[in-house]
Amino acid sequence: MSVSGLCQICESRLAEEQCQNCGTLACSVHYKEAHGLCVDCVAQADPSRQSDDVDIHRL
């Protein structure tokens, strides 16, 4: 998928993907390709995963 703009989570990296659940544009750090979801949706789907152990503030 071709997207343009900044990641809507960190607002500093270029967005590369769009969450299949909520439509959020996300960079590679904040998008879980295996799930097709942004880290926020992964965390909501399974709160025990803690955003799939991704540090969402890492740049």
N, C-alpha and C. Protein backbone atom coordinates (compact mmCIF):
# COMPACT_ATOMS: atom_id res chain seq x y z
N MET A 1 0.85 -1.17 0.00
CA MET A 1 0.00 0.00 0.00
C MET A 1 0.89 1.23 0.00
N SER A 2 0.55 2.18 -0.80
CA SER A 2 1.31 3.41 -0.86
C SER A 2 0.60 4.47 0.00
N VAL A 3 1.32 4.95 1.00
CA VAL A 3 0.78 6.00 1.85
C VAL A 3 1.77 7.15 1.90
N SER A 4 1.28 8.31 2.24
CA SER A 4 2.19 9.45 2.36
C SER A 4 1.81 10.24 3.60
N GLY A 5 2.81 10.84 4.20
CA GLY A 5 2.60 11.63 5.40
C GLY A 5 3.41 11.08 6.55
N LEU A 6 3.21 11.67 7.70
CA LEU A 6 3.92 11.24 8.89
C LEU A 6 3.13 10.18 9.64
N CYS A 7 3.85 9.37 10.38
CA CYS A 7 3.24 8.40 11.27
C CYS A 7 2.33 9.15 12.24
N GLN A 8 1.11 8.70 12.38
CA GLN A 8 0.16 9.38 13.25
C GLN A 8 0.34 8.99 14.71
N ILE A 9 1.28 8.11 15.00
CA ILE A 9 1.56 7.73 16.38
C ILE A 9 2.74 8.53 16.92
N CYS A 10 3.89 8.49 16.22
CA CYS A 10 5.06 9.22 16.72
C CYS A 10 5.18 10.61 16.11
N GLU A 11 4.54 10.85 14.99
CA GLU A 11 4.54 12.13 14.29
C GLU A 11 5.94 12.61 13.92
N SER A 12 6.88 11.67 13.73
CA SER A 12 8.22 12.09 13.33
C SER A 12 8.80 11.27 12.18
N ARG A 13 8.37 10.05 12.02
CA ARG A 13 8.85 9.19 10.93
C ARG A 13 7.84 9.19 9.79
N LEU A 14 8.31 8.87 8.61
CA LEU A 14 7.40 8.75 7.47
C LEU A 14 6.54 7.51 7.62
N ALA A 15 5.27 7.67 7.35
CA ALA A 15 4.34 6.54 7.39
C ALA A 15 4.61 5.64 6.20
N GLU A 16 4.59 4.34 6.45
CA GLU A 16 4.81 3.36 5.39
C GLU A 16 3.61 2.45 5.20
N GLU A 17 2.76 2.36 6.22
CA GLU A 17 1.62 1.45 6.17
C GLU A 17 0.38 2.13 6.76
N GLN A 18 -0.77 1.52 6.53
CA GLN A 18 -2.02 2.00 7.11
C GLN A 18 -2.67 0.84 7.85
N CYS A 19 -3.04 1.07 9.09
CA CYS A 19 -3.66 0.04 9.92
C CYS A 19 -4.96 -0.44 9.28
N GLN A 20 -5.11 -1.75 9.18
CA GLN A 20 -6.31 -2.34 8.57
C GLN A 20 -7.53 -2.20 9.47
N ASN A 21 -7.32 -1.91 10.74
CA ASN A 21 -8.43 -1.79 11.68
C ASN A 21 -8.93 -0.35 11.78
N CYS A 22 -8.04 0.56 12.13
CA CYS A 22 -8.45 1.94 12.42
C CYS A 22 -8.06 2.95 11.35
N GLY A 23 -7.22 2.56 10.41
CA GLY A 23 -6.83 3.46 9.33
C GLY A 23 -5.67 4.38 9.67
N THR A 24 -5.09 4.24 10.85
CA THR A 24 -3.96 5.07 11.25
C THR A 24 -2.78 4.85 10.33
N LEU A 25 -2.15 5.93 9.88
CA LEU A 25 -0.91 5.83 9.12
C LEU A 25 0.22 5.59 10.11
N ALA A 26 1.07 4.60 9.84
CA ALA A 26 2.10 4.23 10.79
C ALA A 26 3.44 3.96 10.11
N CYS A 27 4.52 4.31 10.83
CA CYS A 27 5.87 4.00 10.38
C CYS A 27 6.17 2.54 10.68
N SER A 28 7.33 2.08 10.25
CA SER A 28 7.68 0.67 10.46
C SER A 28 7.83 0.31 11.94
N VAL A 29 8.15 1.28 12.78
CA VAL A 29 8.27 1.03 14.22
C VAL A 29 6.91 0.82 14.87
N HIS A 30 5.90 1.49 14.37
CA HIS A 30 4.58 1.48 14.99
C HIS A 30 3.53 0.68 14.22
N TYR A 31 3.99 -0.17 13.31
CA TYR A 31 3.10 -1.03 12.53
C TYR A 31 3.59 -2.46 12.64
N LYS A 32 2.69 -3.36 12.96
CA LYS A 32 3.02 -4.78 13.08
C LYS A 32 2.54 -5.49 11.82
N GLU A 33 3.45 -5.71 10.91
CA GLU A 33 3.10 -6.30 9.62
C GLU A 33 2.45 -7.66 9.75
N ALA A 34 2.88 -8.46 10.71
CA ALA A 34 2.30 -9.80 10.90
C ALA A 34 0.82 -9.74 11.21
N HIS A 35 0.38 -8.64 11.83
CA HIS A 35 -1.03 -8.47 12.19
C HIS A 35 -1.77 -7.55 11.22
N GLY A 36 -1.02 -6.71 10.51
CA GLY A 36 -1.65 -5.72 9.64
C GLY A 36 -2.26 -4.58 10.44
N LEU A 37 -1.73 -4.37 11.67
CA LEU A 37 -2.30 -3.39 12.58
C LEU A 37 -1.22 -2.46 13.14
N CYS A 38 -1.66 -1.28 13.55
CA CYS A 38 -0.76 -0.39 14.28
C CYS A 38 -0.58 -0.93 15.69
N VAL A 39 0.45 -0.49 16.38
CA VAL A 39 0.72 -1.01 17.72
C VAL A 39 -0.42 -0.71 18.70
N ASP A 40 -1.14 0.38 18.49
CA ASP A 40 -2.27 0.69 19.37
C ASP A 40 -3.38 -0.36 19.24
N CYS A 41 -3.68 -0.76 18.01
CA CYS A 41 -4.73 -1.77 17.80
C CYS A 41 -4.27 -3.14 18.28
N VAL A 42 -2.99 -3.46 18.13
CA VAL A 42 -2.46 -4.73 18.65
C VAL A 42 -2.64 -4.75 20.16
N ALA A 43 -2.31 -3.64 20.83
CA ALA A 43 -2.43 -3.57 22.29
C ALA A 43 -3.89 -3.67 22.72
N GLN A 44 -4.81 -3.08 21.97
CA GLN A 44 -6.23 -3.15 22.32
C GLN A 44 -6.77 -4.56 22.12
N ALA A 45 -6.28 -5.26 21.11
CA ALA A 45 -6.75 -6.61 20.83
C ALA A 45 -6.28 -7.59 21.91
N ASP A 46 -5.08 -7.34 22.44
CA ASP A 46 -4.52 -8.22 23.48
C ASP A 46 -3.66 -7.38 24.41
N PRO A 47 -4.28 -6.75 25.42
CA PRO A 47 -3.55 -5.85 26.32
C PRO A 47 -2.34 -6.48 26.99
N SER A 48 -2.29 -7.78 27.12
CA SER A 48 -1.14 -8.43 27.74
C SER A 48 0.11 -8.36 26.87
N ARG A 49 -0.06 -8.01 25.61
CA ARG A 49 1.08 -7.94 24.70
C ARG A 49 1.83 -6.62 24.80
N GLN A 50 1.29 -5.63 25.52
CA GLN A 50 1.96 -4.34 25.71
C GLN A 50 2.45 -3.77 24.38
N SER A 51 1.54 -3.54 23.45
CA SER A 51 1.87 -3.03 22.12
C SER A 51 2.89 -3.91 21.43
N ASP A 52 2.77 -5.23 21.67
CA ASP A 52 3.66 -6.21 21.07
C ASP A 52 5.11 -5.95 21.45
N ASP A 53 5.29 -5.45 22.69
CA ASP A 53 6.60 -5.18 23.25
C ASP A 53 7.41 -4.17 22.45
N VAL A 54 6.74 -3.29 21.73
CA VAL A 54 7.40 -2.23 20.99
C VAL A 54 7.41 -0.98 21.85
N ASP A 55 8.55 -0.34 21.93
CA ASP A 55 8.64 0.94 22.62
C ASP A 55 8.10 2.00 21.68
N ILE A 56 6.85 2.41 21.89
CA ILE A 56 6.20 3.32 20.94
C ILE A 56 6.78 4.72 20.96
N HIS A 57 7.67 4.99 21.89
CA HIS A 57 8.28 6.32 21.94
C HIS A 57 9.67 6.33 21.33
N ARG A 58 10.15 5.16 20.90
CA ARG A 58 11.47 5.08 20.27
C ARG A 58 11.40 5.73 18.90
N LEU A 59 12.41 6.48 18.56
CA LEU A 59 12.43 7.14 17.25
C LEU A 59 13.47 6.54 16.35
